Amino acid sequence: MKKSIFSLSFLLMLSACVTDSNAVKDYERDLQWVNTADAQADALAALATGDFRLMAVPGRGEVIPGIEASKRNAYSLKCGTRLIPGMTDAVIDDSHLRLLKKASEYGARYNSFIIEKCIP
């Protein structure tokens, strides 16, 4: 009985470690798209379908990369927003941080094309 309880406890601890490791990989996998993304092409494709939403970063308050803080509300109301895919306000490690920064830069570039057509 003791041996099976120990074995079960060990397996549960081991699976918890695997889950945590996979979570980090999930965060990085969710942002891999940014390595091959073309902000200009994506923005032009969105505009062609009538999608004027700006890319935003999740967190406290709405952050719209490339838009001055004083103008964010006006742009948000006029154009709308959507979250940058895979973005989070939690940073797992240095590799994840690099991807987050790259995604934010993509958002700023994408937004620069959208605001040419959606002016509050």
PDB file of N, CA and C in Angstrom:
ATOM      1  N   MET A   1       0.832  -1.191   0.000  1.00  0.00           N
ATOM      2  CA  MET A   1       0.000   0.000   0.000  1.00  0.00           C
ATOM      3  C   MET A   1       0.877   1.257   0.000  1.00  0.00           C
ATOM      4  N   LYS A   2       1.907   1.282   0.896  1.00  0.00           N
ATOM      5  CA  LYS A   2       2.797   2.439   0.957  1.00  0.00           C
ATOM      6  C   LYS A   2       3.507   2.659  -0.373  1.00  0.00           C
ATOM      7  N   LYS A   3       3.901   1.547  -1.007  1.00  0.00           N
ATOM      8  CA  LYS A   3       4.623   1.653  -2.269  1.00  0.00           C
ATOM      9  C   LYS A   3       3.729   2.255  -3.354  1.00  0.00           C
ATOM     10  N   SER A   4       2.464   1.873  -3.410  1.00  0.00           N
ATOM     11  CA  SER A   4       1.586   2.423  -4.441  1.00  0.00           C
ATOM     12  C   SER A   4       1.241   3.878  -4.169  1.00  0.00           C
ATOM     13  N   ILE A   5       1.137   4.279  -2.904  1.00  0.00           N
ATOM     14  CA  ILE A   5       0.899   5.693  -2.591  1.00  0.00           C
ATOM     15  C   ILE A   5       2.116   6.522  -2.989  1.00  0.00           C
ATOM     16  N   PHE A   6       3.307   5.998  -2.685  1.00  0.00           N
ATOM     17  CA  PHE A   6       4.529   6.695  -3.076  1.00  0.00           C
ATOM     18  C   PHE A   6       4.625   6.815  -4.597  1.00  0.00           C
ATOM     19  N   SER A   7       4.319   5.726  -5.306  1.00  0.00           N
ATOM     20  CA  SER A   7       4.379   5.738  -6.772  1.00  0.00           C
ATOM     21  C   SER A   7       3.400   6.743  -7.352  1.00  0.00           C
ATOM     22  N   LEU A   8       2.197   6.767  -6.801  1.00  0.00           N
ATOM     23  CA  LEU A   8       1.188   7.712  -7.274  1.00  0.00           C
ATOM     24  C   LEU A   8       1.627   9.145  -7.011  1.00  0.00           C
ATOM     25  N   SER A   9       2.163   9.402  -5.828  1.00  0.00           N
ATOM     26  CA  SER A   9       2.642  10.749  -5.497  1.00  0.00           C
ATOM     27  C   SER A   9       3.764  11.170  -6.438  1.00  0.00           C
ATOM     28  N   PHE A  10       4.662  10.264  -6.704  1.00  0.00           N
ATOM     29  CA  PHE A  10       5.784  10.561  -7.598  1.00  0.00           C
ATOM     30  C   PHE A  10       5.285  10.887  -9.003  1.00  0.00           C
ATOM     31  N   LEU A  11       4.341  10.099  -9.495  1.00  0.00           N
ATOM     32  CA  LEU A  11       3.792  10.353 -10.837  1.00  0.00           C
ATOM     33  C   LEU A  11       3.078  11.695 -10.905  1.00  0.00           C
ATOM     34  N   LEU A  12       2.360  12.052  -9.863  1.00  0.00           N
ATOM     35  CA  LEU A  12       1.673  13.342  -9.840  1.00  0.00           C
ATOM     36  C   LEU A  12       2.668  14.500  -9.852  1.00  0.00           C
ATOM     37  N   MET A  13       3.728  14.362  -9.075  1.00  0.00           N
ATOM     38  CA  MET A  13       4.759  15.415  -9.059  1.00  0.00           C
ATOM     39  C   MET A  13       5.438  15.517 -10.427  1.00  0.00           C
ATOM     40  N   LEU A  14       5.718  14.389 -11.027  1.00  0.00           N
ATOM     41  CA  LEU A  14       6.365  14.374 -12.330  1.00  0.00           C
ATOM     42  C   LEU A  14       5.473  15.014 -13.393  1.00  0.00           C
ATOM     43  N   SER A  15       4.188  14.719 -13.355  1.00  0.00           N
ATOM     44  CA  SER A  15       3.281  15.311 -14.346  1.00  0.00           C
ATOM     45  C   SER A  15       3.156  16.808 -14.137  1.00  0.00           C
ATOM     46  N   ALA A  16       3.245  17.282 -12.904  1.00  0.00           N
ATOM     47  CA  ALA A  16       3.201  18.727 -12.644  1.00  0.00           C
ATOM     48  C   ALA A  16       4.404  19.406 -13.270  1.00  0.00           C
ATOM     49  N   CYS A  17       5.559  18.779 -13.204  1.00  0.00           N
ATOM     50  CA  CYS A  17       6.753  19.359 -13.819  1.00  0.00           C
ATOM     51  C   CYS A  17       6.609  19.408 -15.336  1.00  0.00           C
ATOM     52  N   VAL A  18       6.073  18.380 -15.924  1.00  0.00           N
ATOM     53  CA  VAL A  18       5.888  18.349 -17.365  1.00  0.00           C
ATOM     54  C   VAL A  18       4.911  19.429 -17.784  1.00  0.00           C
ATOM     55  N   THR A  19       3.848  19.612 -17.023  1.00  0.00           N
ATOM     56  CA  THR A  19       2.862  20.640 -17.338  1.00  0.00           C
ATOM     57  C   THR A  19       3.493  22.017 -17.305  1.00  0.00           C
ATOM     58  N   ASP A  20       4.297  22.307 -16.289  1.00  0.00           N
ATOM     59  CA  ASP A  20       4.940  23.615 -16.200  1.00  0.00           C
ATOM     60  C   ASP A  20       5.880  23.832 -17.374  1.00  0.00           C
ATOM     61  N   SER A  21       6.626  22.814 -17.733  1.00  0.00           N
ATOM     62  CA  SER A  21       7.544  22.919 -18.855  1.00  0.00           C
ATOM     63  C   SER A  21       6.781  23.159 -20.157  1.00  0.00           C
ATOM     64  N   ASN A  22       5.672  22.459 -20.328  1.00  0.00           N
ATOM     65  CA  ASN A  22       4.866  22.638 -21.530  1.00  0.00           C
ATOM     66  C   ASN A  22       4.245  24.021 -21.572  1.00  0.00           C
ATOM     67  N   ALA A  23       3.914  24.596 -20.416  1.00  0.00           N
ATOM     68  CA  ALA A  23       3.318  25.929 -20.385  1.00  0.00           C
ATOM     69  C   ALA A  23       4.278  26.952 -20.975  1.00  0.00           C
ATOM     70  N   VAL A  24       5.548  26.851 -20.631  1.00  0.00           N
ATOM     71  CA  VAL A  24       6.541  27.770 -21.189  1.00  0.00           C
ATOM     72  C   VAL A  24       6.608  27.581 -22.694  1.00  0.00           C
ATOM     73  N   LYS A  25       6.635  26.361 -23.136  1.00  0.00           N
ATOM     74  CA  LYS A  25       6.703  26.087 -24.562  1.00  0.00           C
ATOM     75  C   LYS A  25       5.441  26.588 -25.267  1.00  0.00           C
ATOM     76  N   ASP A  26       4.291  26.475 -24.604  1.00  0.00           N
ATOM     77  CA  ASP A  26       3.048  26.976 -25.183  1.00  0.00           C
ATOM     78  C   ASP A  26       3.129  28.481 -25.400  1.00  0.00           C
ATOM     79  N   TYR A  27       3.640  29.221 -24.429  1.00  0.00           N
ATOM     80  CA  TYR A  27       3.770  30.671 -24.569  1.00  0.00           C
ATOM     81  C   TYR A  27       4.658  31.019 -25.752  1.00  0.00           C
ATOM     82  N   GLU A  28       5.760  30.331 -25.859  1.00  0.00           N
ATOM     83  CA  GLU A  28       6.665  30.607 -26.971  1.00  0.00           C
ATOM     84  C   GLU A  28       6.049  30.176 -28.298  1.00  0.00           C
ATOM     85  N   ARG A  29       5.389  29.032 -28.311  1.00  0.00           N
ATOM     86  CA  ARG A  29       4.763  28.547 -29.541  1.00  0.00           C
ATOM     87  C   ARG A  29       3.675  29.518 -30.005  1.00  0.00           C
ATOM     88  N   ASP A  30       2.936  30.096 -29.073  1.00  0.00           N
ATOM     89  CA  ASP A  30       1.860  31.024 -29.419  1.00  0.00           C
ATOM     90  C   ASP A  30       2.370  32.313 -30.054  1.00  0.00           C
ATOM     91  N   LEU A  31       3.656  32.589 -29.912  1.00  0.00           N
ATOM     92  CA  LEU A  31       4.232  33.816 -30.478  1.00  0.00           C
ATOM     93  C   LEU A  31       5.168  33.565 -31.656  1.00  0.00           C
ATOM     94  N   GLN A  32       5.358  32.329 -32.043  1.00  0.00           N
ATOM     95  CA  GLN A  32       6.280  32.021 -33.135  1.00  0.00           C
ATOM     96  C   GLN A  32       5.864  32.664 -34.456  1.00  0.00           C
ATOM     97  N   TRP A  33       4.580  32.922 -34.631  1.00  0.00           N
ATOM     98  CA  TRP A  33       4.092  33.534 -35.864  1.00  0.00           C
ATOM     99  C   TRP A  33       4.805  34.843 -36.167  1.00  0.00           C
ATOM    100  N   VAL A  34       5.238  35.541 -35.107  1.00  0.00           N
ATOM    101  CA  VAL A  34       5.828  36.866 -35.296  1.00  0.00           C
ATOM    102  C   VAL A  34       7.166  36.801 -36.028  1.00  0.00           C
ATOM    103  N   ASN A  35       7.815  35.657 -36.011  1.00  0.00           N
ATOM    104  CA  ASN A  35       9.109  35.519 -36.688  1.00  0.00           C
ATOM    105  C   ASN A  35       8.993  35.595 -38.210  1.00  0.00           C
ATOM    106  N   THR A  36       7.819  35.312 -38.739  1.00  0.00           N
ATOM    107  CA  THR A  36       7.636  35.349 -40.192  1.00  0.00           C
ATOM    108  C   THR A  36       6.522  36.312 -40.614  1.00  0.00           C
ATOM    109  N   ALA A  37       5.994  37.056 -39.679  1.00  0.00           N
ATOM    110  CA  ALA A  37       4.859  37.941 -39.963  1.00  0.00           C
ATOM    111  C   ALA A  37       5.280  39.155 -40.785  1.00  0.00           C
ATOM    112  N   ASP A  38       4.373  39.623 -41.609  1.00  0.00           N
ATOM    113  CA  ASP A  38       4.572  40.816 -42.416  1.00  0.00           C
ATOM    114  C   ASP A  38       3.462  41.800 -42.041  1.00  0.00           C
ATOM    115  N   ALA A  39       3.788  42.768 -41.196  1.00  0.00           N
ATOM    116  CA  ALA A  39       2.791  43.702 -40.678  1.00  0.00           C
ATOM    117  C   ALA A  39       2.097  44.480 -41.788  1.00  0.00           C
ATOM    118  N   GLN A  40       2.850  44.905 -42.778  1.00  0.00           N
ATOM    119  CA  GLN A  40       2.256  45.683 -43.866  1.00  0.00           C
ATOM    120  C   GLN A  40       1.262  44.825 -44.658  1.00  0.00           C
ATOM    121  N   ALA A  41       1.664  43.637 -45.044  1.00  0.00           N
ATOM    122  CA  ALA A  41       0.771  42.759 -45.806  1.00  0.00           C
ATOM    123  C   ALA A  41      -0.471  42.402 -44.992  1.00  0.00           C
ATOM    124  N   ASP A  42      -0.277  42.139 -43.703  1.00  0.00           N
ATOM    125  CA  ASP A  42      -1.412  41.785 -42.850  1.00  0.00           C
ATOM    126  C   ASP A  42      -2.376  42.960 -42.688  1.00  0.00           C
ATOM    127  N   ALA A  43      -1.826  44.153 -42.522  1.00  0.00           N
ATOM    128  CA  ALA A  43      -2.679  45.342 -42.376  1.00  0.00           C
ATOM    129  C   ALA A  43      -3.440  45.621 -43.666  1.00  0.00           C
ATOM    130  N   LEU A  44      -2.772  45.522 -44.793  1.00  0.00           N
ATOM    131  CA  LEU A  44      -3.437  45.764 -46.076  1.00  0.00           C
ATOM    132  C   LEU A  44      -4.526  44.726 -46.339  1.00  0.00           C
ATOM    133  N   ALA A  45      -4.285  43.480 -45.950  1.00  0.00           N
ATOM    134  CA  ALA A  45      -5.299  42.437 -46.099  1.00  0.00           C
ATOM    135  C   ALA A  45      -6.501  42.733 -45.200  1.00  0.00           C
ATOM    136  N   ALA A  46      -6.252  43.190 -43.991  1.00  0.00           N
ATOM    137  CA  ALA A  46      -7.344  43.536 -43.073  1.00  0.00           C
ATOM    138  C   ALA A  46      -8.147  44.707 -43.627  1.00  0.00           C
ATOM    139  N   LEU A  47      -7.466  45.729 -44.103  1.00  0.00           N
ATOM    140  CA  LEU A  47      -8.151  46.895 -44.663  1.00  0.00           C
ATOM    141  C   LEU A  47      -9.005  46.503 -45.872  1.00  0.00           C
ATOM    142  N   ALA A  48      -8.522  45.576 -46.668  1.00  0.00           N
ATOM    143  CA  ALA A  48      -9.264  45.139 -47.856  1.00  0.00           C
ATOM    144  C   ALA A  48     -10.588  44.474 -47.492  1.00  0.00           C
ATOM    145  N   THR A  49     -10.668  43.929 -46.274  1.00  0.00           N
ATOM    146  CA  THR A  49     -11.908  43.298 -45.827  1.00  0.00           C
ATOM    147  C   THR A  49     -12.734  44.230 -44.938  1.00  0.00           C
ATOM    148  N   GLY A  50     -12.274  45.473 -44.802  1.00  0.00           N
ATOM    149  CA  GLY A  50     -13.002  46.445 -43.979  1.00  0.00           C
ATOM    150  C   GLY A  50     -12.715  46.343 -42.498  1.00  0.00           C
ATOM    151  N   ASP A  51     -11.633  45.665 -42.131  1.00  0.00           N
ATOM    152  CA  ASP A  51     -11.249  45.518 -40.718  1.00  0.00           C
ATOM    153  C   ASP A  51     -10.264  46.629 -40.368  1.00  0.00           C
ATOM    154  N   PHE A  52     -10.749  47.615 -39.618  1.00  0.00           N
ATOM    155  CA  PHE A  52      -9.920  48.764 -39.238  1.00  0.00           C
ATOM    156  C   PHE A  52      -9.414  48.666 -37.805  1.00  0.00           C
ATOM    157  N   ARG A  53      -9.608  47.511 -37.171  1.00  0.00           N
ATOM    158  CA  ARG A  53      -9.195  47.378 -35.776  1.00  0.00           C
ATOM    159  C   ARG A  53      -7.678  47.471 -35.635  1.00  0.00           C
ATOM    160  N   LEU A  54      -7.276  48.139 -34.570  1.00  0.00           N
ATOM    161  CA  LEU A  54      -5.861  48.282 -34.248  1.00  0.00           C
ATOM    162  C   LEU A  54      -5.424  47.140 -33.342  1.00  0.00           C
ATOM    163  N   MET A  55      -4.168  46.788 -33.421  1.00  0.00           N
ATOM    164  CA  MET A  55      -3.609  45.760 -32.549  1.00  0.00           C
ATOM    165  C   MET A  55      -3.353  46.362 -31.170  1.00  0.00           C
ATOM    166  N   ALA A  56      -3.730  45.622 -30.131  1.00  0.00           N
ATOM    167  CA  ALA A  56      -3.567  46.092 -28.756  1.00  0.00           C
ATOM    168  C   ALA A  56      -2.857  45.024 -27.921  1.00  0.00           C
ATOM    169  N   VAL A  57      -2.273  45.473 -26.832  1.00  0.00           N
ATOM    170  CA  VAL A  57      -1.565  44.608 -25.897  1.00  0.00           C
ATOM    171  C   VAL A  57      -2.437  44.433 -24.656  1.00  0.00           C
ATOM    172  N   PRO A  58      -2.602  43.190 -24.178  1.00  0.00           N
ATOM    173  CA  PRO A  58      -3.399  42.997 -22.967  1.00  0.00           C
ATOM    174  C   PRO A  58      -2.684  43.524 -21.733  1.00  0.00           C
ATOM    175  N   GLY A  59      -3.443  43.871 -20.735  1.00  0.00           N
ATOM    176  CA  GLY A  59      -2.884  44.353 -19.476  1.00  0.00           C
ATOM    177  C   GLY A  59      -3.826  45.339 -18.842  1.00  0.00           C
ATOM    178  N   ARG A  60      -3.350  46.049 -17.872  1.00  0.00           N
ATOM    179  CA  ARG A  60      -4.168  47.079 -17.233  1.00  0.00           C
ATOM    180  C   ARG A  60      -4.252  48.283 -18.156  1.00  0.00           C
ATOM    181  N   GLY A  61      -5.454  48.630 -18.534  1.00  0.00           N
ATOM    182  CA  GLY A  61      -5.611  49.717 -19.488  1.00  0.00           C
ATOM    183  C   GLY A  61      -5.238  49.228 -20.867  1.00  0.00           C
ATOM    184  N   GLU A  62      -5.787  49.844 -21.849  1.00  0.00           N
ATOM    185  CA  GLU A  62      -5.523  49.414 -23.217  1.00  0.00           C
ATOM    186  C   GLU A  62      -4.283  50.106 -23.765  1.00  0.00           C
ATOM    187  N   VAL A  63      -3.332  49.312 -24.165  1.00  0.00           N
ATOM    188  CA  VAL A  63      -2.114  49.830 -24.781  1.00  0.00           C
ATOM    189  C   VAL A  63      -2.173  49.474 -26.257  1.00  0.00           C
ATOM    190  N   ILE A  64      -2.091  50.494 -27.092  1.00  0.00           N
ATOM    191  CA  ILE A  64      -2.111  50.297 -28.539  1.00  0.00           C
ATOM    192  C   ILE A  64      -0.742  50.725 -29.064  1.00  0.00           C
ATOM    193  N   PRO A  65       0.113  49.754 -29.402  1.00  0.00           N
ATOM    194  CA  PRO A  65       1.466  50.103 -29.852  1.00  0.00           C
ATOM    195  C   PRO A  65       1.457  51.089 -31.015  1.00  0.00           C
ATOM    196  N   GLY A  66       2.318  52.095 -30.902  1.00  0.00           N
ATOM    197  CA  GLY A  66       2.463  53.077 -31.961  1.00  0.00           C
ATOM    198  C   GLY A  66       1.486  54.240 -31.879  1.00  0.00           C
ATOM    199  N   ILE A  67       0.585  54.228 -30.916  1.00  0.00           N
ATOM    200  CA  ILE A  67      -0.392  55.300 -30.758  1.00  0.00           C
ATOM    201  C   ILE A  67      -0.092  56.030 -29.446  1.00  0.00           C
ATOM    202  N   GLU A  68       0.002  57.350 -29.522  1.00  0.00           N
ATOM    203  CA  GLU A  68       0.250  58.147 -28.319  1.00  0.00           C
ATOM    204  C   GLU A  68      -0.841  57.877 -27.288  1.00  0.00           C
ATOM    205  N   ALA A  69      -0.448  57.861 -26.029  1.00  0.00           N
ATOM    206  CA  ALA A  69      -1.393  57.567 -24.949  1.00  0.00           C
ATOM    207  C   ALA A  69      -2.599  58.502 -24.978  1.00  0.00           C
ATOM    208  N   SER A  70      -2.371  59.769 -25.290  1.00  0.00           N
ATOM    209  CA  SER A  70      -3.459  60.747 -25.290  1.00  0.00           C
ATOM    210  C   SER A  70      -4.466  60.513 -26.419  1.00  0.00           C
ATOM    211  N   LYS A  71      -4.071  59.749 -27.444  1.00  0.00           N
ATOM    212  CA  LYS A  71      -4.945  59.510 -28.599  1.00  0.00           C
ATOM    213  C   LYS A  71      -5.544  58.101 -28.627  1.00  0.00           C
ATOM    214  N   ARG A  72      -5.136  57.251 -27.685  1.00  0.00           N
ATOM    215  CA  ARG A  72      -5.564  55.853 -27.706  1.00  0.00           C
ATOM    216  C   ARG A  72      -7.077  55.700 -27.623  1.00  0.00           C
ATOM    217  N   ASN A  73      -7.702  56.436 -26.725  1.00  0.00           N
ATOM    218  CA  ASN A  73      -9.148  56.298 -26.555  1.00  0.00           C
ATOM    219  C   ASN A  73      -9.895  56.668 -27.830  1.00  0.00           C
ATOM    220  N   ALA A  74      -9.508  57.753 -28.462  1.00  0.00           N
ATOM    221  CA  ALA A  74     -10.178  58.188 -29.695  1.00  0.00           C
ATOM    222  C   ALA A  74     -10.015  57.149 -30.799  1.00  0.00           C
ATOM    223  N   TYR A  75      -8.801  56.626 -30.958  1.00  0.00           N
ATOM    224  CA  TYR A  75      -8.576  55.597 -31.977  1.00  0.00           C
ATOM    225  C   TYR A  75      -9.333  54.312 -31.646  1.00  0.00           C
ATOM    226  N   SER A  76      -9.348  53.954 -30.379  1.00  0.00           N
ATOM    227  CA  SER A  76     -10.053  52.753 -29.957  1.00  0.00           C
ATOM    228  C   SER A  76     -11.544  52.851 -30.256  1.00  0.00           C
ATOM    229  N   LEU A  77     -12.133  53.999 -29.965  1.00  0.00           N
ATOM    230  CA  LEU A  77     -13.562  54.194 -30.215  1.00  0.00           C
ATOM    231  C   LEU A  77     -13.881  54.203 -31.709  1.00  0.00           C
ATOM    232  N   LYS A  78     -13.049  54.825 -32.501  1.00  0.00           N
ATOM    233  CA  LYS A  78     -13.300  54.961 -33.938  1.00  0.00           C
ATOM    234  C   LYS A  78     -12.980  53.678 -34.712  1.00  0.00           C
ATOM    235  N   CYS A  79     -11.831  53.099 -34.431  1.00  0.00           N
ATOM    236  CA  CYS A  79     -11.342  51.980 -35.235  1.00  0.00           C
ATOM    237  C   CYS A  79     -11.604  50.610 -34.611  1.00  0.00           C
ATOM    238  N   GLY A  80     -11.691  50.562 -33.309  1.00  0.00           N
ATOM    239  CA  GLY A  80     -11.790  49.290 -32.600  1.00  0.00           C
ATOM    240  C   GLY A  80     -10.404  48.705 -32.360  1.00  0.00           C
ATOM    241  N   THR A  81     -10.342  47.690 -31.561  1.00  0.00           N
ATOM    242  CA  THR A  81      -9.055  47.030 -31.275  1.00  0.00           C
ATOM    243  C   THR A  81      -9.249  45.518 -31.218  1.00  0.00           C
ATOM    244  N   ARG A  82      -8.144  44.850 -31.329  1.00  0.00           N
ATOM    245  CA  ARG A  82      -8.092  43.406 -31.094  1.00  0.00           C
ATOM    246  C   ARG A  82      -6.722  43.099 -30.516  1.00  0.00           C
ATOM    247  N   LEU A  83      -6.647  42.067 -29.710  1.00  0.00           N
ATOM    248  CA  LEU A  83      -5.386  41.737 -29.063  1.00  0.00           C
ATOM    249  C   LEU A  83      -4.408  41.120 -30.058  1.00  0.00           C
ATOM    250  N   ILE A  84      -3.158  41.442 -29.870  1.00  0.00           N
ATOM    251  CA  ILE A  84      -2.098  40.828 -30.666  1.00  0.00           C
ATOM    252  C   ILE A  84      -2.067  39.347 -30.283  1.00  0.00           C
ATOM    253  N   PRO A  85      -2.164  38.449 -31.248  1.00  0.00           N
ATOM    254  CA  PRO A  85      -2.200  37.012 -30.941  1.00  0.00           C
ATOM    255  C   PRO A  85      -1.001  36.559 -30.115  1.00  0.00           C
ATOM    256  N   GLY A  86      -1.269  35.817 -29.070  1.00  0.00           N
ATOM    257  CA  GLY A  86      -0.216  35.249 -28.241  1.00  0.00           C
ATOM    258  C   GLY A  86       0.360  36.190 -27.198  1.00  0.00           C
ATOM    259  N   MET A  87      -0.038  37.466 -27.213  1.00  0.00           N
ATOM    260  CA  MET A  87       0.508  38.435 -26.261  1.00  0.00           C
ATOM    261  C   MET A  87      -0.049  38.183 -24.866  1.00  0.00           C
ATOM    262  N   THR A  88       0.774  38.452 -23.899  1.00  0.00           N
ATOM    263  CA  THR A  88       0.401  38.337 -22.498  1.00  0.00           C
ATOM    264  C   THR A  88       1.171  39.384 -21.721  1.00  0.00           C
ATOM    265  N   ASP A  89       0.676  39.719 -20.532  1.00  0.00           N
ATOM    266  CA  ASP A  89       1.420  40.676 -19.717  1.00  0.00           C
ATOM    267  C   ASP A  89       2.323  39.962 -18.720  1.00  0.00           C
ATOM    268  N   ALA A  90       2.383  38.639 -18.796  1.00  0.00           N
ATOM    269  CA  ALA A  90       3.279  37.853 -17.948  1.00  0.00           C
ATOM    270  C   ALA A  90       4.488  37.432 -18.776  1.00  0.00           C
ATOM    271  N   VAL A  91       5.672  37.621 -18.220  1.00  0.00           N
ATOM    272  CA  VAL A  91       6.907  37.252 -18.919  1.00  0.00           C
ATOM    273  C   VAL A  91       7.474  36.010 -18.249  1.00  0.00           C
ATOM    274  N   ILE A  92       7.699  34.974 -19.051  1.00  0.00           N
ATOM    275  CA  ILE A  92       8.194  33.696 -18.525  1.00  0.00           C
ATOM    276  C   ILE A  92       9.716  33.679 -18.402  1.00  0.00           C
ATOM    277  N   ASP A  93      10.403  34.084 -19.460  1.00  0.00           N
ATOM    278  CA  ASP A  93      11.864  34.073 -19.460  1.00  0.00           C
ATOM    279  C   ASP A  93      12.365  35.032 -20.542  1.00  0.00           C
ATOM    280  N   ASP A  94      13.669  35.086 -20.731  1.00  0.00           N
ATOM    281  CA  ASP A  94      14.259  36.013 -21.703  1.00  0.00           C
ATOM    282  C   ASP A  94      13.807  35.732 -23.134  1.00  0.00           C
ATOM    283  N   SER A  95      13.698  34.472 -23.482  1.00  0.00           N
ATOM    284  CA  SER A  95      13.257  34.108 -24.828  1.00  0.00           C
ATOM    285  C   SER A  95      11.821  34.579 -25.062  1.00  0.00           C
ATOM    286  N   HIS A  96      10.988  34.394 -24.068  1.00  0.00           N
ATOM    287  CA  HIS A  96       9.594  34.838 -24.157  1.00  0.00           C
ATOM    288  C   HIS A  96       9.541  36.362 -24.252  1.00  0.00           C
ATOM    289  N   LEU A  97      10.365  37.047 -23.493  1.00  0.00           N
ATOM    290  CA  LEU A  97      10.406  38.506 -23.526  1.00  0.00           C
ATOM    291  C   LEU A  97      10.794  39.014 -24.910  1.00  0.00           C
ATOM    292  N   ARG A  98      11.768  38.379 -25.548  1.00  0.00           N
ATOM    293  CA  ARG A  98      12.165  38.779 -26.899  1.00  0.00           C
ATOM    294  C   ARG A  98      10.998  38.650 -27.877  1.00  0.00           C
ATOM    295  N   LEU A  99      10.252  37.556 -27.760  1.00  0.00           N
ATOM    296  CA  LEU A  99       9.098  37.364 -28.636  1.00  0.00           C
ATOM    297  C   LEU A  99       8.003  38.392 -28.359  1.00  0.00           C
ATOM    298  N   LEU A 100       7.798  38.713 -27.084  1.00  0.00           N
ATOM    299  CA  LEU A 100       6.795  39.728 -26.725  1.00  0.00           C
ATOM    300  C   LEU A 100       7.170  41.085 -27.310  1.00  0.00           C
ATOM    301  N   LYS A 101       8.434  41.441 -27.211  1.00  0.00           N
ATOM    302  CA  LYS A 101       8.894  42.718 -27.774  1.00  0.00           C
ATOM    303  C   LYS A 101       8.717  42.741 -29.289  1.00  0.00           C
ATOM    304  N   LYS A 102       9.045  41.637 -29.927  1.00  0.00           N
ATOM    305  CA  LYS A 102       8.909  41.551 -31.375  1.00  0.00           C
ATOM    306  C   LYS A 102       7.434  41.655 -31.779  1.00  0.00           C
ATOM    307  N   ALA A 103       6.551  41.037 -31.013  1.00  0.00           N
ATOM    308  CA  ALA A 103       5.118  41.113 -31.303  1.00  0.00           C
ATOM    309  C   ALA A 103       4.597  42.531 -31.093  1.00  0.00           C
ATOM    310  N   SER A 104       5.098  43.222 -30.087  1.00  0.00           N
ATOM    311  CA  SER A 104       4.698  44.606 -29.854  1.00  0.00           C
ATOM    312  C   SER A 104       5.171  45.505 -30.990  1.00  0.00           C
ATOM    313  N   GLU A 105       6.391  45.270 -31.484  1.00  0.00           N
ATOM    314  CA  GLU A 105       6.902  46.028 -32.624  1.00  0.00           C
ATOM    315  C   GLU A 105       6.060  45.747 -33.880  1.00  0.00           C
ATOM    316  N   TYR A 106       5.670  44.494 -34.057  1.00  0.00           N
ATOM    317  CA  TYR A 106       4.785  44.133 -35.166  1.00  0.00           C
ATOM    318  C   TYR A 106       3.477  44.926 -35.034  1.00  0.00           C
ATOM    319  N   GLY A 107       2.915  44.974 -33.834  1.00  0.00           N
ATOM    320  CA  GLY A 107       1.666  45.702 -33.601  1.00  0.00           C
ATOM    321  C   GLY A 107       1.799  47.175 -33.945  1.00  0.00           C
ATOM    322  N   ALA A 108       2.899  47.785 -33.569  1.00  0.00           N
ATOM    323  CA  ALA A 108       3.116  49.204 -33.870  1.00  0.00           C
ATOM    324  C   ALA A 108       3.203  49.419 -35.382  1.00  0.00           C
ATOM    325  N   ARG A 109       3.898  48.550 -36.061  1.00  0.00           N
ATOM    326  CA  ARG A 109       4.018  48.677 -37.522  1.00  0.00           C
ATOM    327  C   ARG A 109       2.664  48.438 -38.190  1.00  0.00           C
ATOM    328  N   TYR A 110       1.964  47.401 -37.777  1.00  0.00           N
ATOM    329  CA  TYR A 110       0.623  47.101 -38.303  1.00  0.00           C
ATOM    330  C   TYR A 110      -0.288  48.314 -38.105  1.00  0.00           C
ATOM    331  N   ASN A 111      -0.267  48.852 -36.903  1.00  0.00           N
ATOM    332  CA  ASN A 111      -1.125  49.998 -36.588  1.00  0.00           C
ATOM    333  C   ASN A 111      -0.786  51.224 -37.430  1.00  0.00           C
ATOM    334  N   SER A 112       0.473  51.378 -37.779  1.00  0.00           N
ATOM    335  CA  SER A 112       0.858  52.546 -38.582  1.00  0.00           C
ATOM    336  C   SER A 112       0.167  52.532 -39.949  1.00  0.00           C
ATOM    337  N   PHE A 113      -0.114  51.376 -40.480  1.00  0.00           N
ATOM    338  CA  PHE A 113      -0.829  51.278 -41.761  1.00  0.00           C
ATOM    339  C   PHE A 113      -2.334  51.466 -41.565  1.00  0.00           C
ATOM    340  N   ILE A 114      -2.859  50.953 -40.476  1.00  0.00           N
ATOM    341  CA  ILE A 114      -4.295  51.060 -40.208  1.00  0.00           C
ATOM    342  C   ILE A 114      -4.700  52.512 -39.959  1.00  0.00           C
ATOM    343  N   ILE A 115      -3.887  53.266 -39.206  1.00  0.00           N
ATOM    344  CA  ILE A 115      -4.301  54.634 -38.859  1.00  0.00           C
ATOM    345  C   ILE A 115      -4.286  55.566 -40.054  1.00  0.00           C
ATOM    346  N   GLU A 116      -3.648  55.162 -41.133  1.00  0.00           N
ATOM    347  CA  GLU A 116      -3.718  55.972 -42.347  1.00  0.00           C
ATOM    348  C   GLU A 116      -5.135  55.987 -42.920  1.00  0.00           C
ATOM    349  N   LYS A 117      -5.896  54.915 -42.642  1.00  0.00           N
ATOM    350  CA  LYS A 117      -7.253  54.782 -43.175  1.00  0.00           C
ATOM    351  C   LYS A 117      -8.335  55.014 -42.134  1.00  0.00           C
ATOM    352  N   CYS A 118      -7.991  54.935 -40.888  1.00  0.00           N
ATOM    353  CA  CYS A 118      -8.977  55.103 -39.808  1.00  0.00           C
ATOM    354  C   CYS A 118      -8.513  56.235 -38.903  1.00  0.00           C
ATOM    355  N   ILE A 119      -8.994  57.412 -39.194  1.00  0.00           N
ATOM    356  CA  ILE A 119      -8.590  58.624 -38.455  1.00  0.00           C
ATOM    357  C   ILE A 119      -9.767  59.080 -37.596  1.00  0.00           C
ATOM    358  N   PRO A 120      -9.544  59.183 -36.282  1.00  0.00           N
ATOM    359  CA  PRO A 120     -10.671  59.612 -35.428  1.00  0.00           C
ATOM    360  C   PRO A 120     -11.091  61.050 -35.646  1.00  0.00           C
TER     361      PRO A 120
END
